[in-house]
Amino acid sequence: MRFDLLYWNADATRMPIKMHMFYLRECYRENKLAQGMMVLGGEKIDLTKVKIPVFLQSSKEDHIAPYRSVYKTTKLFKGPMTFMMAGSGHIAGVINHPDANKYQHWTNDKVPDKVEDWIASATEHPGSWWPYWDKWLAKHSGEMVEARVPGDGKLKVIEAAPGAYAKMK
């Protein structure tokens, strides 16, 4: 099976500049989302009001979303929390397919205050984190349904997947 991580890495965010600047300013420079001060559509976003189960994926070598920063999110949401750390970096740690049989991931049922304490009592598992996430999703999801067939509903198929936009250079 061909699985080219570097091709995926070349994909840009494709966000409009105004949206991208808002995202960088509000989430990174001013950290307003974490502080409960971000406003979207006139509504203040308060993550502490989120009480549904949350699954946080992090990667051990991630330089864009370091696991120490991702772990801080466990203190923002107020519902049941699952934090997981995959091996490798930002891309390989996220999209490493189970068939590749590479890397590893760590899990821990506890969510202590410090990430160092989480790591100290975490369990290392060989291979992709996807099966772990799949089990988590199944536990928190409804009944499985058959996939829809494109074009069987009210909308017509424009073109075959993945679509011209995905092939643009």
Protein backbone atom coordinates (compact mmCIF):
# COMPACT_ATOMS: atom_id res chain seq x y z
CA MET A 1 0.00 0.00 0.00
CA ARG A 2 1.44 3.37 -1.02
CA PHE A 3 1.17 6.00 1.69
CA ASP A 4 3.14 9.15 0.93
CA LEU A 5 3.43 11.34 4.03
CA LEU A 6 5.51 13.96 2.23
CA TYR A 7 2.75 14.55 -0.34
CA TRP A 8 0.30 15.24 2.49
CA ASN A 9 2.89 17.54 4.07
CA ALA A 10 2.91 19.73 0.95
CA ASP A 11 -0.79 20.58 1.36
CA ALA A 12 -1.32 24.19 2.43
CA THR A 13 -4.01 25.35 4.86
CA ARG A 14 -5.96 27.01 2.05
CA MET A 15 -7.56 29.36 4.55
CA PRO A 16 -8.49 32.85 3.36
CA ILE A 17 -5.85 35.29 4.65
CA LYS A 18 -8.29 37.15 6.91
CA MET A 19 -9.38 33.89 8.55
CA HIS A 20 -5.79 32.67 8.88
CA MET A 21 -4.67 35.92 10.52
CA PHE A 22 -7.63 35.80 12.94
CA TYR A 23 -6.74 32.20 13.83
CA LEU A 24 -3.05 32.97 14.43
CA ARG A 25 -3.77 36.15 16.41
CA GLU A 26 -6.62 34.83 18.56
CA CYS A 27 -5.34 31.28 19.20
CA TYR A 28 -1.58 31.78 19.30
CA ARG A 29 -0.45 35.35 19.89
CA GLU A 30 -3.23 36.35 22.30
CA ASN A 31 -4.31 32.85 23.43
CA LYS A 32 -7.92 34.03 23.62
CA LEU A 33 -9.51 30.64 23.00
CA ALA A 34 -7.80 29.08 26.02
CA GLN A 35 -8.68 32.11 28.15
CA GLY A 36 -12.37 31.98 27.21
CA MET A 37 -12.11 35.38 25.51
CA MET A 38 -12.43 34.48 21.81
CA VAL A 39 -15.56 35.85 20.14
CA LEU A 40 -17.09 34.27 17.02
CA GLY A 41 -20.31 35.56 15.51
CA GLY A 42 -20.88 37.73 18.56
CA GLU A 43 -20.62 34.76 20.96
CA LYS A 44 -17.83 34.28 23.47
CA ILE A 45 -16.37 30.78 23.21
CA ASP A 46 -15.97 29.20 26.65
CA LEU A 47 -14.40 25.73 26.48
CA THR A 48 -15.18 25.14 30.17
CA LYS A 49 -18.83 24.80 29.15
CA VAL A 50 -17.99 21.76 26.98
CA LYS A 51 -19.08 18.74 28.99
CA ILE A 52 -19.08 16.05 26.29
CA PRO A 53 -16.28 13.44 26.07
CA VAL A 54 -13.12 14.84 24.46
CA PHE A 55 -10.31 12.88 22.79
CA LEU A 56 -7.00 14.75 22.53
CA GLN A 57 -4.38 13.40 20.16
CA SER A 58 -0.81 14.62 20.54
CA SER A 59 2.50 13.52 19.04
CA LYS A 60 5.75 13.07 20.94
CA GLU A 61 7.96 14.93 18.43
CA ASP A 62 5.37 17.48 17.23
CA HIS A 63 6.94 20.90 16.63
CA ILE A 64 3.67 22.64 15.70
CA ALA A 65 1.39 21.38 18.49
CA PRO A 66 3.83 20.16 21.18
CA TYR A 67 2.33 17.51 23.47
CA ARG A 68 3.01 19.71 26.53
CA SER A 69 0.78 22.41 25.02
CA VAL A 70 -1.88 19.94 23.89
CA TYR A 71 -1.96 18.46 27.41
CA LYS A 72 -2.89 21.86 28.86
CA THR A 73 -6.17 21.48 26.97
CA THR A 74 -7.16 18.71 29.40
CA LYS A 75 -7.74 21.47 31.95
CA LEU A 76 -9.96 23.57 29.65
CA PHE A 77 -12.81 21.16 28.92
CA LYS A 78 -15.00 19.91 31.76
CA GLY A 79 -16.29 16.63 30.35
CA PRO A 80 -14.66 13.19 30.35
CA MET A 81 -11.13 13.52 28.96
CA THR A 82 -8.95 11.10 26.99
CA PHE A 83 -5.39 12.22 26.21
CA MET A 84 -3.20 10.08 23.96
CA MET A 85 0.34 10.62 22.71
CA ALA A 86 1.54 9.11 19.43
CA GLY A 87 5.15 8.52 18.45
CA SER A 88 6.83 10.63 15.75
CA GLY A 89 6.12 14.21 14.70
CA HIS A 90 3.31 16.46 13.53
CA ILE A 91 2.46 14.57 10.35
CA ALA A 92 3.62 10.98 10.83
CA GLY A 93 2.27 11.00 14.38
CA VAL A 94 -1.19 11.89 13.14
CA ILE A 95 -1.68 10.12 9.83
CA ASN A 96 0.46 7.02 10.33
CA HIS A 97 -1.85 4.30 8.99
CA PRO A 98 -2.13 1.07 11.02
CA ASP A 99 -1.01 -1.00 7.99
CA ALA A 100 2.37 0.76 8.11
CA ASN A 101 3.00 -0.94 11.48
CA LYS A 102 5.29 1.91 12.56
CA TYR A 103 5.82 3.97 15.65
CA GLN A 104 3.85 3.58 18.85
CA HIS A 105 1.44 5.44 21.10
CA TRP A 106 0.92 5.92 24.81
CA THR A 107 -2.31 5.84 26.80
CA ASN A 108 -3.24 6.52 30.39
CA ASP A 109 -6.72 6.42 31.95
CA LYS A 110 -5.70 9.11 34.43
CA VAL A 111 -5.30 12.81 33.62
CA PRO A 112 -3.00 14.21 36.34
CA ASP A 113 -2.19 17.92 36.59
CA LYS A 114 1.24 17.61 34.96
CA VAL A 115 2.06 15.97 31.63
CA GLU A 116 5.24 14.54 33.15
CA ASP A 117 3.09 12.60 35.63
CA TRP A 118 0.87 11.42 32.77
CA ILE A 119 3.93 10.14 30.87
CA ALA A 120 5.43 8.48 33.96
CA SER A 121 2.34 6.28 34.39
CA ALA A 122 1.37 5.90 30.70
CA THR A 123 1.40 2.56 28.88
CA GLU A 124 3.29 2.27 25.59
CA HIS A 125 1.59 0.35 22.76
CA PRO A 126 3.23 -0.68 19.46
CA GLY A 127 1.74 0.61 16.22
CA SER A 128 -0.72 3.27 15.14
CA TRP A 129 -3.07 5.01 17.56
CA TRP A 130 -5.95 4.76 15.08
CA PRO A 131 -7.39 1.47 16.48
CA TYR A 132 -7.40 3.00 19.98
CA TRP A 133 -9.23 6.06 18.64
CA ASP A 134 -11.63 3.81 16.68
CA LYS A 135 -12.59 2.00 19.90
CA TRP A 136 -13.05 5.35 21.66
CA LEU A 137 -15.27 6.62 18.83
CA ALA A 138 -17.36 3.44 18.83
CA LYS A 139 -17.94 3.81 22.57
CA HIS A 140 -19.10 7.43 22.15
CA SER A 141 -21.00 7.12 18.86
CA GLY A 142 -24.34 5.88 17.76
CA GLU A 143 -25.12 2.86 15.67
CA MET A 144 -23.10 2.29 12.49
CA VAL A 145 -24.93 3.15 9.27
CA GLU A 146 -24.24 2.31 5.65
CA ALA A 147 -22.20 4.91 3.77
CA ARG A 148 -24.19 7.16 1.49
CA VAL A 149 -23.70 6.81 -2.24
CA PRO A 150 -22.78 10.14 -3.86
CA GLY A 151 -25.54 11.25 -6.22
CA ASP A 152 -28.31 9.17 -4.61
CA GLY A 153 -29.66 12.18 -2.72
CA LYS A 154 -30.84 15.61 -3.86
CA LEU A 155 -27.36 16.72 -4.95
CA LYS A 156 -25.69 15.52 -8.14
CA VAL A 157 -22.07 14.38 -8.31
CA ILE A 158 -19.91 17.20 -9.68
CA GLU A 159 -16.88 15.00 -10.39
CA ALA A 160 -15.13 11.91 -9.09
CA ALA A 161 -13.23 12.13 -5.81
CA PRO A 162 -10.91 13.57 -4.73
CA GLY A 163 -12.04 16.51 -6.89
CA ALA A 164 -10.14 19.04 -8.99
CA TYR A 165 -9.51 21.34 -6.01
CA ALA A 166 -7.39 18.63 -4.38
CA LYS A 167 -5.24 18.34 -7.48
CA MET A 168 -4.64 22.10 -7.91
CA LYS A 169 -1.03 23.23 -7.88
